[in-house]
Amino acid sequence: MSSIDKHPPHFAHPAEKIFAQILDFYGLSWQYEPHTFPLEWDAEGNVVEAFTPDFYLPEQDLYIELTTLRPKLSNHKNRKLRRLKELYPEINIKLYKRREMRNLMLKYNLISDAQKIKDTSAQQSQEG
């Protein structure tokens, strides 16, 4: 999906929807979860671990991954990002962590949304 499609994607987390709205506000073209990168294979060559960044900004050739997990809980995601960079050094990816997401929401006066990711319930609705 992209920002110009008629039907918006089903976002995995409310922070993703907010991020998409900010991208739309600035007229930036984006795609939601357009590519999955294999990270680990079994002995038969089957993919056993993969990573799908949340957004791709084609004009910037940049993938964006958002996380609202507390730092202690984000180790698994950080490991996946390191592995992605090892296997695909040509891929440009930026991670927006919980604090950065909250600050972005506050910047755009999305105070109630920022409060939601400050609470511990944010970790329960997002997988690593």
C-alpha atoms as a PDB file:
ATOM      1  CA  MET A   1       0.000   0.000   0.000  1.00  0.00           C
ATOM      2  CA  SER A   2       1.059   3.558  -0.393  1.00  0.00           C
ATOM      3  CA  SER A   3      -0.178   6.951   0.586  1.00  0.00           C
ATOM      4  CA  ILE A   4      -1.927   7.343  -2.770  1.00  0.00           C
ATOM      5  CA  ASP A   5      -3.937   4.112  -2.582  1.00  0.00           C
ATOM      6  CA  LYS A   6      -7.672   4.443  -2.058  1.00  0.00           C
ATOM      7  CA  HIS A   7      -7.786   1.991   0.849  1.00  0.00           C
ATOM      8  CA  PRO A   8      -5.423   2.693   3.736  1.00  0.00           C
ATOM      9  CA  PRO A   9      -3.506  -0.281   5.127  1.00  0.00           C
ATOM     10  CA  HIS A  10      -4.404  -1.980   8.370  1.00  0.00           C
ATOM     11  CA  PHE A  11      -1.644  -0.725  10.624  1.00  0.00           C
ATOM     12  CA  ALA A  12      -0.256  -3.082  13.254  1.00  0.00           C
ATOM     13  CA  HIS A  13       0.029  -0.279  15.814  1.00  0.00           C
ATOM     14  CA  PRO A  14      -1.644   3.142  16.240  1.00  0.00           C
ATOM     15  CA  ALA A  15       1.774   4.849  16.109  1.00  0.00           C
ATOM     16  CA  GLU A  16       2.145   3.631  12.527  1.00  0.00           C
ATOM     17  CA  LYS A  17      -1.110   5.301  11.515  1.00  0.00           C
ATOM     18  CA  ILE A  18       0.014   8.559  13.107  1.00  0.00           C
ATOM     19  CA  PHE A  19       3.375   8.347  11.349  1.00  0.00           C
ATOM     20  CA  ALA A  20       1.582   7.780   8.018  1.00  0.00           C
ATOM     21  CA  GLN A  21      -0.570  10.860   8.657  1.00  0.00           C
ATOM     22  CA  ILE A  22       2.553  12.943   9.276  1.00  0.00           C
ATOM     23  CA  LEU A  23       4.089  11.658   6.037  1.00  0.00           C
ATOM     24  CA  ASP A  24       0.864  12.497   4.190  1.00  0.00           C
ATOM     25  CA  PHE A  25       0.806  15.984   5.731  1.00  0.00           C
ATOM     26  CA  TYR A  26       4.224  16.651   4.209  1.00  0.00           C
ATOM     27  CA  GLY A  27       3.274  15.068   0.882  1.00  0.00           C
ATOM     28  CA  LEU A  28       5.860  12.315   1.194  1.00  0.00           C
ATOM     29  CA  SER A  29       5.264   9.161  -0.787  1.00  0.00           C
ATOM     30  CA  TRP A  30       5.331   6.023   1.360  1.00  0.00           C
ATOM     31  CA  GLN A  31       4.619   2.324   1.280  1.00  0.00           C
ATOM     32  CA  TYR A  32       3.563   0.242   4.258  1.00  0.00           C
ATOM     33  CA  GLU A  33       5.515  -2.972   4.887  1.00  0.00           C
ATOM     34  CA  PRO A  34       6.390  -3.440   1.205  1.00  0.00           C
ATOM     35  CA  HIS A  35       9.363  -5.774   1.627  1.00  0.00           C
ATOM     36  CA  THR A  36      10.436  -8.589   3.912  1.00  0.00           C
ATOM     37  CA  PHE A  37      14.138  -9.280   4.313  1.00  0.00           C
ATOM     38  CA  PRO A  38      15.201 -12.848   5.158  1.00  0.00           C
ATOM     39  CA  LEU A  39      17.654 -12.864   8.065  1.00  0.00           C
ATOM     40  CA  GLU A  40      18.234 -16.523   8.832  1.00  0.00           C
ATOM     41  CA  TRP A  41      17.839 -19.794   6.966  1.00  0.00           C
ATOM     42  CA  ASP A  42      17.741 -23.429   8.033  1.00  0.00           C
ATOM     43  CA  ALA A  43      19.940 -26.183   6.544  1.00  0.00           C
ATOM     44  CA  GLU A  44      17.487 -26.660   3.646  1.00  0.00           C
ATOM     45  CA  GLY A  45      17.548 -22.966   2.758  1.00  0.00           C
ATOM     46  CA  ASN A  46      14.119 -22.149   4.188  1.00  0.00           C
ATOM     47  CA  VAL A  47      13.748 -18.745   5.789  1.00  0.00           C
ATOM     48  CA  VAL A  48      13.363 -19.141   9.554  1.00  0.00           C
ATOM     49  CA  GLU A  49      13.689 -15.482  10.530  1.00  0.00           C
ATOM     50  CA  ALA A  50      12.834 -12.325   8.613  1.00  0.00           C
ATOM     51  CA  PHE A  51      12.311  -8.642   9.153  1.00  0.00           C
ATOM     52  CA  THR A  52       9.664  -6.375   7.596  1.00  0.00           C
ATOM     53  CA  PRO A  53      10.279  -2.660   8.169  1.00  0.00           C
ATOM     54  CA  ASP A  54       7.130  -0.617   8.754  1.00  0.00           C
ATOM     55  CA  PHE A  55       7.553   1.987   6.012  1.00  0.00           C
ATOM     56  CA  TYR A  56       9.477   2.600   2.829  1.00  0.00           C
ATOM     57  CA  LEU A  57       9.949   6.131   1.502  1.00  0.00           C
ATOM     58  CA  PRO A  58      10.782   5.566  -2.187  1.00  0.00           C
ATOM     59  CA  GLU A  59      11.869   9.139  -2.938  1.00  0.00           C
ATOM     60  CA  GLN A  60      14.436   8.929  -0.136  1.00  0.00           C
ATOM     61  CA  ASP A  61      15.201   5.212  -0.657  1.00  0.00           C
ATOM     62  CA  LEU A  62      14.731   4.857   3.094  1.00  0.00           C
ATOM     63  CA  TYR A  63      13.060   2.232   5.259  1.00  0.00           C
ATOM     64  CA  ILE A  64      11.565   3.300   8.584  1.00  0.00           C
ATOM     65  CA  GLU A  65      10.973   1.029  11.552  1.00  0.00           C
ATOM     66  CA  LEU A  66       8.938   2.294  14.490  1.00  0.00           C
ATOM     67  CA  THR A  67       8.985   0.872  17.993  1.00  0.00           C
ATOM     68  CA  THR A  68       7.130   1.863  21.118  1.00  0.00           C
ATOM     69  CA  LEU A  69       8.747  -0.875  23.170  1.00  0.00           C
ATOM     70  CA  ARG A  70      10.674   0.115  26.252  1.00  0.00           C
ATOM     71  CA  PRO A  71      14.449  -0.119  25.739  1.00  0.00           C
ATOM     72  CA  LYS A  72      14.720  -3.261  27.868  1.00  0.00           C
ATOM     73  CA  LEU A  73      12.169  -5.015  25.647  1.00  0.00           C
ATOM     74  CA  SER A  74      13.545  -3.905  22.291  1.00  0.00           C
ATOM     75  CA  ASN A  75      16.693  -6.072  22.259  1.00  0.00           C
ATOM     76  CA  HIS A  76      15.146  -8.564  19.838  1.00  0.00           C
ATOM     77  CA  LYS A  77      14.234  -5.818  17.362  1.00  0.00           C
ATOM     78  CA  ASN A  78      17.664  -4.199  17.689  1.00  0.00           C
ATOM     79  CA  ARG A  79      19.305  -7.565  16.965  1.00  0.00           C
ATOM     80  CA  LYS A  80      17.174  -7.957  13.836  1.00  0.00           C
ATOM     81  CA  LEU A  81      18.163  -4.480  12.653  1.00  0.00           C
ATOM     82  CA  ARG A  82      21.858  -5.233  13.178  1.00  0.00           C
ATOM     83  CA  ARG A  83      21.472  -8.474  11.229  1.00  0.00           C
ATOM     84  CA  LEU A  84      19.637  -6.661   8.425  1.00  0.00           C
ATOM     85  CA  LYS A  85      22.508  -4.162   8.145  1.00  0.00           C
ATOM     86  CA  GLU A  86      25.054  -7.009   8.064  1.00  0.00           C
ATOM     87  CA  LEU A  87      23.262  -8.905   5.297  1.00  0.00           C
ATOM     88  CA  TYR A  88      21.986  -5.926   3.303  1.00  0.00           C
ATOM     89  CA  PRO A  89      24.479  -3.058   3.761  1.00  0.00           C
ATOM     90  CA  GLU A  90      22.953  -1.203   0.812  1.00  0.00           C
ATOM     91  CA  ILE A  91      19.608  -0.847   2.635  1.00  0.00           C
ATOM     92  CA  ASN A  92      19.049   2.506   4.322  1.00  0.00           C
ATOM     93  CA  ILE A  93      16.957   2.086   7.458  1.00  0.00           C
ATOM     94  CA  LYS A  94      16.113   4.396  10.347  1.00  0.00           C
ATOM     95  CA  LEU A  95      14.702   3.222  13.660  1.00  0.00           C
ATOM     96  CA  TYR A  96      12.391   5.576  15.523  1.00  0.00           C
ATOM     97  CA  LYS A  97      12.399   4.466  19.135  1.00  0.00           C
ATOM     98  CA  ARG A  98       9.709   5.038  21.718  1.00  0.00           C
ATOM     99  CA  ARG A  99      11.081   8.384  22.934  1.00  0.00           C
ATOM    100  CA  GLU A 100      11.574   9.666  19.368  1.00  0.00           C
ATOM    101  CA  MET A 101       8.028   8.652  18.446  1.00  0.00           C
ATOM    102  CA  ARG A 102       6.655  10.363  21.529  1.00  0.00           C
ATOM    103  CA  ASN A 103       8.639  13.543  20.785  1.00  0.00           C
ATOM    104  CA  LEU A 104       7.399  13.519  17.195  1.00  0.00           C
ATOM    105  CA  MET A 105       3.808  13.243  18.398  1.00  0.00           C
ATOM    106  CA  LEU A 106       4.299  16.075  20.869  1.00  0.00           C
ATOM    107  CA  LYS A 107       5.820  18.224  18.121  1.00  0.00           C
ATOM    108  CA  TYR A 108       2.609  17.811  16.120  1.00  0.00           C
ATOM    109  CA  ASN A 109       0.412  18.453  19.166  1.00  0.00           C
ATOM    110  CA  LEU A 110      -0.753  14.836  19.312  1.00  0.00           C
ATOM    111  CA  ILE A 111      -0.609  14.871  23.084  1.00  0.00           C
ATOM    112  CA  SER A 112      -3.177  12.127  23.741  1.00  0.00           C
ATOM    113  CA  ASP A 113      -1.412   9.828  21.261  1.00  0.00           C
ATOM    114  CA  ALA A 114       1.944  10.570  22.859  1.00  0.00           C
ATOM    115  CA  GLN A 115       0.494   9.680  26.249  1.00  0.00           C
ATOM    116  CA  LYS A 116      -0.608   6.286  24.904  1.00  0.00           C
ATOM    117  CA  ILE A 117       2.943   5.258  24.058  1.00  0.00           C
ATOM    118  CA  LYS A 118       4.205   6.556  27.375  1.00  0.00           C
ATOM    119  CA  ASP A 119       1.967   4.047  29.148  1.00  0.00           C
ATOM    120  CA  THR A 120       3.016   0.407  29.499  1.00  0.00           C
ATOM    121  CA  SER A 121       0.067  -0.753  27.379  1.00  0.00           C
ATOM    122  CA  ALA A 122       2.059   0.243  24.285  1.00  0.00           C
ATOM    123  CA  GLN A 123       4.339  -2.764  24.684  1.00  0.00           C
ATOM    124  CA  GLN A 124       1.438  -5.182  24.852  1.00  0.00           C
ATOM    125  CA  SER A 125       0.136  -4.233  21.411  1.00  0.00           C
ATOM    126  CA  GLN A 126       3.444  -4.466  19.517  1.00  0.00           C
ATOM    127  CA  GLU A 127       5.519  -7.503  18.650  1.00  0.00           C
ATOM    128  CA  GLY A 128       9.297  -7.418  18.175  1.00  0.00           C
END
